[in-house]
Amino acid sequence: QIFQHPDVTEVAVIGIPDEKWGELVTALVVTVAGSELNEASLIAFAKERLAGYKCPKRIEFRAELARTATGKLQKFKLREPFWGRRRQKGELIMAPRPLGRLDASTPRRLDDR
């Protein structure tokens, strides 16, 4: 819904660490050249169109968003400044395991717990 704003050219929505809620909905936004769009007005725009829990609580304006050579957003690169070395959903947990056996120490994804 943020993308429907006339001054927004690109947007990526990610979760960033938050002490109270665990994760905070954050939008990374690229605007048209010369736009005077600010965080408060874009959040108000989103609140008119989205449920409260879906609205970003924080907006960060960027010159560009990290993409692959084929144009796909690289969300792991967008999250990295906020999460640092913390584990992110979907990241593999590597643990040594004996050869020839699958057991509890087999690498698993965080969302497979």
N, C-alpha and C. Protein backbone atom coordinates (compact mmCIF):
# COMPACT_ATOMS: atom_id res chain seq x y z
N GLN A 1 0.81 -1.20 0.00
CA GLN A 1 0.00 0.00 0.00
C GLN A 1 0.86 1.27 0.00
N ILE A 2 2.03 1.19 0.60
CA ILE A 2 2.94 2.34 0.61
C ILE A 2 3.34 2.69 -0.81
N PHE A 3 3.48 1.66 -1.63
CA PHE A 3 3.91 1.86 -3.02
C PHE A 3 2.89 2.68 -3.82
N GLN A 4 1.66 2.76 -3.35
CA GLN A 4 0.64 3.54 -4.06
C GLN A 4 0.82 5.05 -3.90
N HIS A 5 1.66 5.47 -2.96
CA HIS A 5 1.89 6.91 -2.80
C HIS A 5 2.61 7.43 -4.04
N PRO A 6 2.18 8.56 -4.58
CA PRO A 6 2.77 9.06 -5.84
C PRO A 6 4.26 9.42 -5.75
N ASP A 7 4.78 9.70 -4.56
CA ASP A 7 6.20 10.06 -4.42
C ASP A 7 7.11 8.86 -4.16
N VAL A 8 6.54 7.66 -4.04
CA VAL A 8 7.34 6.46 -3.74
C VAL A 8 7.62 5.70 -5.04
N THR A 9 8.92 5.42 -5.28
CA THR A 9 9.28 4.64 -6.46
C THR A 9 9.61 3.19 -6.12
N GLU A 10 10.17 2.96 -4.92
CA GLU A 10 10.49 1.61 -4.48
C GLU A 10 10.25 1.52 -2.98
N VAL A 11 9.90 0.32 -2.52
CA VAL A 11 9.73 0.11 -1.08
C VAL A 11 10.02 -1.35 -0.73
N ALA A 12 10.63 -1.53 0.43
CA ALA A 12 10.84 -2.88 0.99
C ALA A 12 10.45 -2.78 2.45
N VAL A 13 9.68 -3.75 2.92
CA VAL A 13 9.26 -3.76 4.32
C VAL A 13 9.95 -4.93 5.01
N ILE A 14 10.62 -4.61 6.13
CA ILE A 14 11.37 -5.62 6.88
C ILE A 14 11.05 -5.49 8.37
N GLY A 15 11.41 -6.50 9.12
CA GLY A 15 11.32 -6.44 10.57
C GLY A 15 12.69 -6.15 11.13
N ILE A 16 12.76 -5.20 12.08
CA ILE A 16 14.03 -4.90 12.73
C ILE A 16 13.89 -5.19 14.23
N PRO A 17 14.99 -5.44 14.92
CA PRO A 17 14.90 -5.77 16.34
C PRO A 17 14.24 -4.67 17.16
N ASP A 18 13.41 -5.09 18.12
CA ASP A 18 12.74 -4.15 19.01
C ASP A 18 12.71 -4.76 20.41
N GLU A 19 13.07 -3.98 21.41
CA GLU A 19 13.10 -4.47 22.79
C GLU A 19 11.73 -4.92 23.27
N LYS A 20 10.70 -4.16 22.97
CA LYS A 20 9.37 -4.44 23.50
C LYS A 20 8.64 -5.53 22.71
N TRP A 21 8.62 -5.43 21.39
CA TRP A 21 7.80 -6.31 20.56
C TRP A 21 8.57 -7.43 19.88
N GLY A 22 9.86 -7.45 19.97
CA GLY A 22 10.66 -8.47 19.28
C GLY A 22 11.11 -7.97 17.92
N GLU A 23 10.13 -7.60 17.09
CA GLU A 23 10.44 -7.00 15.79
C GLU A 23 9.52 -5.81 15.55
N LEU A 24 10.04 -4.85 14.82
CA LEU A 24 9.31 -3.63 14.50
C LEU A 24 9.17 -3.54 12.99
N VAL A 25 7.96 -3.32 12.48
CA VAL A 25 7.73 -3.20 11.04
C VAL A 25 8.36 -1.89 10.56
N THR A 26 9.28 -2.03 9.61
CA THR A 26 10.02 -0.88 9.09
C THR A 26 9.99 -0.89 7.57
N ALA A 27 9.73 0.27 6.98
CA ALA A 27 9.72 0.39 5.52
C ALA A 27 10.96 1.15 5.06
N LEU A 28 11.65 0.59 4.10
CA LEU A 28 12.78 1.25 3.46
C LEU A 28 12.26 1.78 2.13
N VAL A 29 12.33 3.09 1.95
CA VAL A 29 11.63 3.74 0.84
C VAL A 29 12.58 4.55 -0.03
N VAL A 30 12.40 4.43 -1.33
CA VAL A 30 13.08 5.29 -2.31
C VAL A 30 12.01 6.19 -2.89
N THR A 31 12.26 7.50 -2.87
CA THR A 31 11.27 8.46 -3.39
C THR A 31 11.73 9.04 -4.73
N VAL A 32 10.81 9.71 -5.40
CA VAL A 32 11.14 10.40 -6.65
C VAL A 32 12.07 11.57 -6.32
N ALA A 33 12.88 11.96 -7.30
CA ALA A 33 13.82 13.07 -7.10
C ALA A 33 13.06 14.35 -6.74
N GLY A 34 13.55 15.03 -5.73
CA GLY A 34 12.95 16.29 -5.32
C GLY A 34 11.75 16.16 -4.40
N SER A 35 11.40 14.98 -4.01
CA SER A 35 10.26 14.77 -3.13
C SER A 35 10.54 15.29 -1.73
N GLU A 36 9.53 15.87 -1.11
CA GLU A 36 9.65 16.35 0.26
C GLU A 36 8.85 15.47 1.23
N LEU A 37 8.64 14.24 0.83
CA LEU A 37 7.89 13.28 1.64
C LEU A 37 8.64 13.02 2.94
N ASN A 38 7.90 12.99 4.05
CA ASN A 38 8.54 12.70 5.34
C ASN A 38 7.92 11.47 5.99
N GLU A 39 8.54 11.02 7.06
CA GLU A 39 8.12 9.80 7.74
C GLU A 39 6.69 9.87 8.24
N ALA A 40 6.33 10.96 8.90
CA ALA A 40 4.99 11.10 9.50
C ALA A 40 3.89 11.06 8.44
N SER A 41 4.10 11.76 7.32
CA SER A 41 3.05 11.78 6.30
C SER A 41 2.90 10.42 5.61
N LEU A 42 4.01 9.70 5.43
CA LEU A 42 3.93 8.39 4.79
C LEU A 42 3.29 7.36 5.73
N ILE A 43 3.56 7.44 7.02
CA ILE A 43 2.91 6.55 7.98
C ILE A 43 1.41 6.84 8.02
N ALA A 44 1.03 8.12 8.00
CA ALA A 44 -0.39 8.49 7.98
C ALA A 44 -1.07 7.96 6.71
N PHE A 45 -0.38 8.05 5.58
CA PHE A 45 -0.89 7.52 4.31
C PHE A 45 -1.14 6.02 4.43
N ALA A 46 -0.18 5.29 5.03
CA ALA A 46 -0.31 3.84 5.19
C ALA A 46 -1.44 3.49 6.15
N LYS A 47 -1.62 4.26 7.22
CA LYS A 47 -2.67 3.97 8.21
C LYS A 47 -4.07 4.11 7.62
N GLU A 48 -4.22 4.93 6.60
CA GLU A 48 -5.52 5.07 5.94
C GLU A 48 -5.88 3.83 5.12
N ARG A 49 -4.86 3.05 4.75
CA ARG A 49 -5.06 1.94 3.82
C ARG A 49 -4.79 0.55 4.40
N LEU A 50 -4.14 0.50 5.56
CA LEU A 50 -3.75 -0.79 6.14
C LEU A 50 -4.25 -0.93 7.57
N ALA A 51 -4.35 -2.17 8.03
CA ALA A 51 -4.65 -2.43 9.44
C ALA A 51 -3.49 -1.92 10.28
N GLY A 52 -3.76 -1.51 11.49
CA GLY A 52 -2.75 -0.93 12.36
C GLY A 52 -1.50 -1.77 12.54
N TYR A 53 -1.68 -3.09 12.71
CA TYR A 53 -0.51 -3.95 12.93
C TYR A 53 0.33 -4.13 11.67
N LYS A 54 -0.21 -3.80 10.51
CA LYS A 54 0.53 -3.93 9.26
C LYS A 54 1.28 -2.64 8.90
N CYS A 55 0.92 -1.54 9.51
CA CYS A 55 1.54 -0.25 9.20
C CYS A 55 2.97 -0.20 9.73
N PRO A 56 3.87 0.36 8.95
CA PRO A 56 5.24 0.50 9.45
C PRO A 56 5.26 1.49 10.62
N LYS A 57 6.07 1.16 11.60
CA LYS A 57 6.24 2.03 12.76
C LYS A 57 7.41 2.97 12.54
N ARG A 58 8.22 2.64 11.54
CA ARG A 58 9.40 3.44 11.22
C ARG A 58 9.58 3.43 9.70
N ILE A 59 10.00 4.56 9.16
CA ILE A 59 10.29 4.68 7.72
C ILE A 59 11.72 5.18 7.60
N GLU A 60 12.47 4.55 6.73
CA GLU A 60 13.83 5.01 6.46
C GLU A 60 13.93 5.27 4.97
N PHE A 61 14.38 6.46 4.61
CA PHE A 61 14.50 6.83 3.20
C PHE A 61 15.89 6.47 2.70
N ARG A 62 15.94 5.88 1.51
CA ARG A 62 17.19 5.43 0.90
C ARG A 62 17.30 5.97 -0.51
N ALA A 63 18.55 6.06 -1.01
CA ALA A 63 18.77 6.46 -2.40
C ALA A 63 18.46 5.29 -3.33
N GLU A 64 18.73 4.05 -2.84
CA GLU A 64 18.44 2.84 -3.62
C GLU A 64 18.32 1.66 -2.68
N LEU A 65 17.74 0.57 -3.19
CA LEU A 65 17.62 -0.66 -2.43
C LEU A 65 18.52 -1.72 -3.06
N ALA A 66 19.15 -2.55 -2.23
CA ALA A 66 20.06 -3.59 -2.72
C ALA A 66 19.28 -4.61 -3.56
N ARG A 67 19.80 -4.88 -4.77
CA ARG A 67 19.15 -5.82 -5.68
C ARG A 67 20.19 -6.75 -6.29
N THR A 68 19.72 -7.91 -6.76
CA THR A 68 20.58 -8.83 -7.50
C THR A 68 20.72 -8.33 -8.93
N ALA A 69 21.53 -9.03 -9.71
CA ALA A 69 21.70 -8.67 -11.13
C ALA A 69 20.40 -8.79 -11.91
N THR A 70 19.49 -9.66 -11.44
CA THR A 70 18.22 -9.84 -12.12
C THR A 70 17.13 -8.91 -11.58
N GLY A 71 17.46 -8.09 -10.59
CA GLY A 71 16.51 -7.11 -10.07
C GLY A 71 15.75 -7.50 -8.83
N LYS A 72 16.03 -8.68 -8.27
CA LYS A 72 15.33 -9.12 -7.06
C LYS A 72 15.91 -8.43 -5.83
N LEU A 73 15.03 -8.01 -4.91
CA LEU A 73 15.50 -7.37 -3.68
C LEU A 73 16.34 -8.34 -2.86
N GLN A 74 17.43 -7.85 -2.30
CA GLN A 74 18.27 -8.67 -1.42
C GLN A 74 17.96 -8.27 0.02
N LYS A 75 16.88 -8.85 0.54
CA LYS A 75 16.42 -8.47 1.87
C LYS A 75 17.46 -8.75 2.96
N PHE A 76 18.27 -9.77 2.79
CA PHE A 76 19.28 -10.04 3.81
C PHE A 76 20.27 -8.88 3.91
N LYS A 77 20.56 -8.23 2.80
CA LYS A 77 21.45 -7.05 2.83
C LYS A 77 20.74 -5.84 3.42
N LEU A 78 19.44 -5.75 3.20
CA LEU A 78 18.67 -4.63 3.77
C LEU A 78 18.54 -4.78 5.28
N ARG A 79 18.44 -6.02 5.78
CA ARG A 79 18.30 -6.28 7.22
C ARG A 79 19.62 -6.18 7.97
N GLU A 80 20.72 -6.43 7.28
CA GLU A 80 22.03 -6.55 7.92
C GLU A 80 22.41 -5.38 8.83
N PRO A 81 22.23 -4.12 8.43
CA PRO A 81 22.61 -3.03 9.33
C PRO A 81 21.84 -3.03 10.65
N PHE A 82 20.66 -3.57 10.65
CA PHE A 82 19.82 -3.58 11.86
C PHE A 82 20.09 -4.81 12.72
N TRP A 83 20.29 -5.96 12.09
CA TRP A 83 20.44 -7.22 12.82
C TRP A 83 21.88 -7.56 13.11
N GLY A 84 22.81 -7.07 12.29
CA GLY A 84 24.22 -7.40 12.50
C GLY A 84 24.45 -8.90 12.40
N ARG A 85 25.12 -9.47 13.40
CA ARG A 85 25.46 -10.89 13.39
C ARG A 85 24.38 -11.76 14.01
N ARG A 86 23.25 -11.19 14.45
CA ARG A 86 22.17 -11.99 15.02
C ARG A 86 21.60 -12.92 13.97
N ARG A 87 21.05 -14.03 14.41
CA ARG A 87 20.41 -14.96 13.48
C ARG A 87 19.12 -14.37 12.95
N GLN A 88 18.84 -14.63 11.68
CA GLN A 88 17.61 -14.18 11.06
C GLN A 88 16.79 -15.39 10.65
N LYS A 89 15.50 -15.21 10.53
CA LYS A 89 14.61 -16.31 10.13
C LYS A 89 15.10 -16.92 8.83
N GLY A 90 15.15 -18.24 8.79
CA GLY A 90 15.57 -18.93 7.58
C GLY A 90 17.06 -19.20 7.51
N GLU A 91 17.86 -18.59 8.40
CA GLU A 91 19.30 -18.80 8.38
C GLU A 91 19.63 -20.19 8.92
N LEU A 92 20.59 -20.83 8.33
CA LEU A 92 20.96 -22.16 8.78
C LEU A 92 21.73 -22.11 10.08
N ILE A 93 21.42 -23.03 10.96
CA ILE A 93 22.18 -23.20 12.19
C ILE A 93 23.10 -24.38 11.94
N MET A 94 24.37 -24.13 11.88
CA MET A 94 25.30 -25.20 11.56
C MET A 94 25.84 -25.81 12.85
N ALA A 95 25.76 -27.11 12.93
CA ALA A 95 26.28 -27.84 14.08
C ALA A 95 26.99 -29.08 13.55
N PRO A 96 28.09 -29.45 14.17
CA PRO A 96 28.77 -30.66 13.70
C PRO A 96 27.91 -31.88 13.94
N ARG A 97 28.03 -32.85 13.05
CA ARG A 97 27.29 -34.10 13.23
C ARG A 97 28.19 -35.26 12.81
N PRO A 98 27.97 -36.40 13.40
CA PRO A 98 28.77 -37.56 13.01
C PRO A 98 28.50 -37.94 11.56
N LEU A 99 29.50 -38.43 10.88
CA LEU A 99 29.32 -38.85 9.49
C LEU A 99 28.41 -40.06 9.41
N GLY A 100 27.54 -40.10 8.43
CA GLY A 100 26.71 -41.26 8.18
C GLY A 100 25.45 -41.34 9.03
N ARG A 101 25.20 -40.38 9.90
CA ARG A 101 24.01 -40.40 10.75
C ARG A 101 23.31 -39.06 10.71
N LEU A 102 22.01 -39.09 10.71
CA LEU A 102 21.24 -37.87 10.87
C LEU A 102 20.66 -37.90 12.27
N ASP A 103 20.91 -36.86 13.01
CA ASP A 103 20.36 -36.81 14.36
C ASP A 103 20.01 -35.37 14.71
N ALA A 104 19.86 -35.07 15.97
CA ALA A 104 19.42 -33.74 16.41
C ALA A 104 20.42 -32.65 16.05
N SER A 105 21.68 -33.00 15.77
CA SER A 105 22.66 -31.97 15.43
C SER A 105 22.72 -31.67 13.94
N THR A 106 21.80 -32.25 13.15
CA THR A 106 21.73 -31.95 11.72
C THR A 106 21.36 -30.49 11.52
N PRO A 107 22.03 -29.79 10.57
CA PRO A 107 21.67 -28.38 10.34
C PRO A 107 20.19 -28.21 10.04
N ARG A 108 19.59 -27.25 10.67
CA ARG A 108 18.17 -26.98 10.49
C ARG A 108 17.95 -25.49 10.30
N ARG A 109 16.83 -25.15 9.69
CA ARG A 109 16.45 -23.74 9.57
C ARG A 109 15.79 -23.29 10.86
N LEU A 110 15.90 -22.00 11.17
CA LEU A 110 15.30 -21.48 12.40
C LEU A 110 13.80 -21.69 12.44
N ASP A 111 13.14 -21.61 11.29
CA ASP A 111 11.68 -21.73 11.28
C ASP A 111 11.22 -23.18 11.31
N ASP A 112 12.14 -24.16 11.41
CA ASP A 112 11.78 -25.57 11.50
C ASP A 112 11.69 -26.07 12.94
N ARG A 113 11.90 -25.18 13.91
CA ARG A 113 11.91 -25.61 15.32
C ARG A 113 10.60 -26.17 15.75
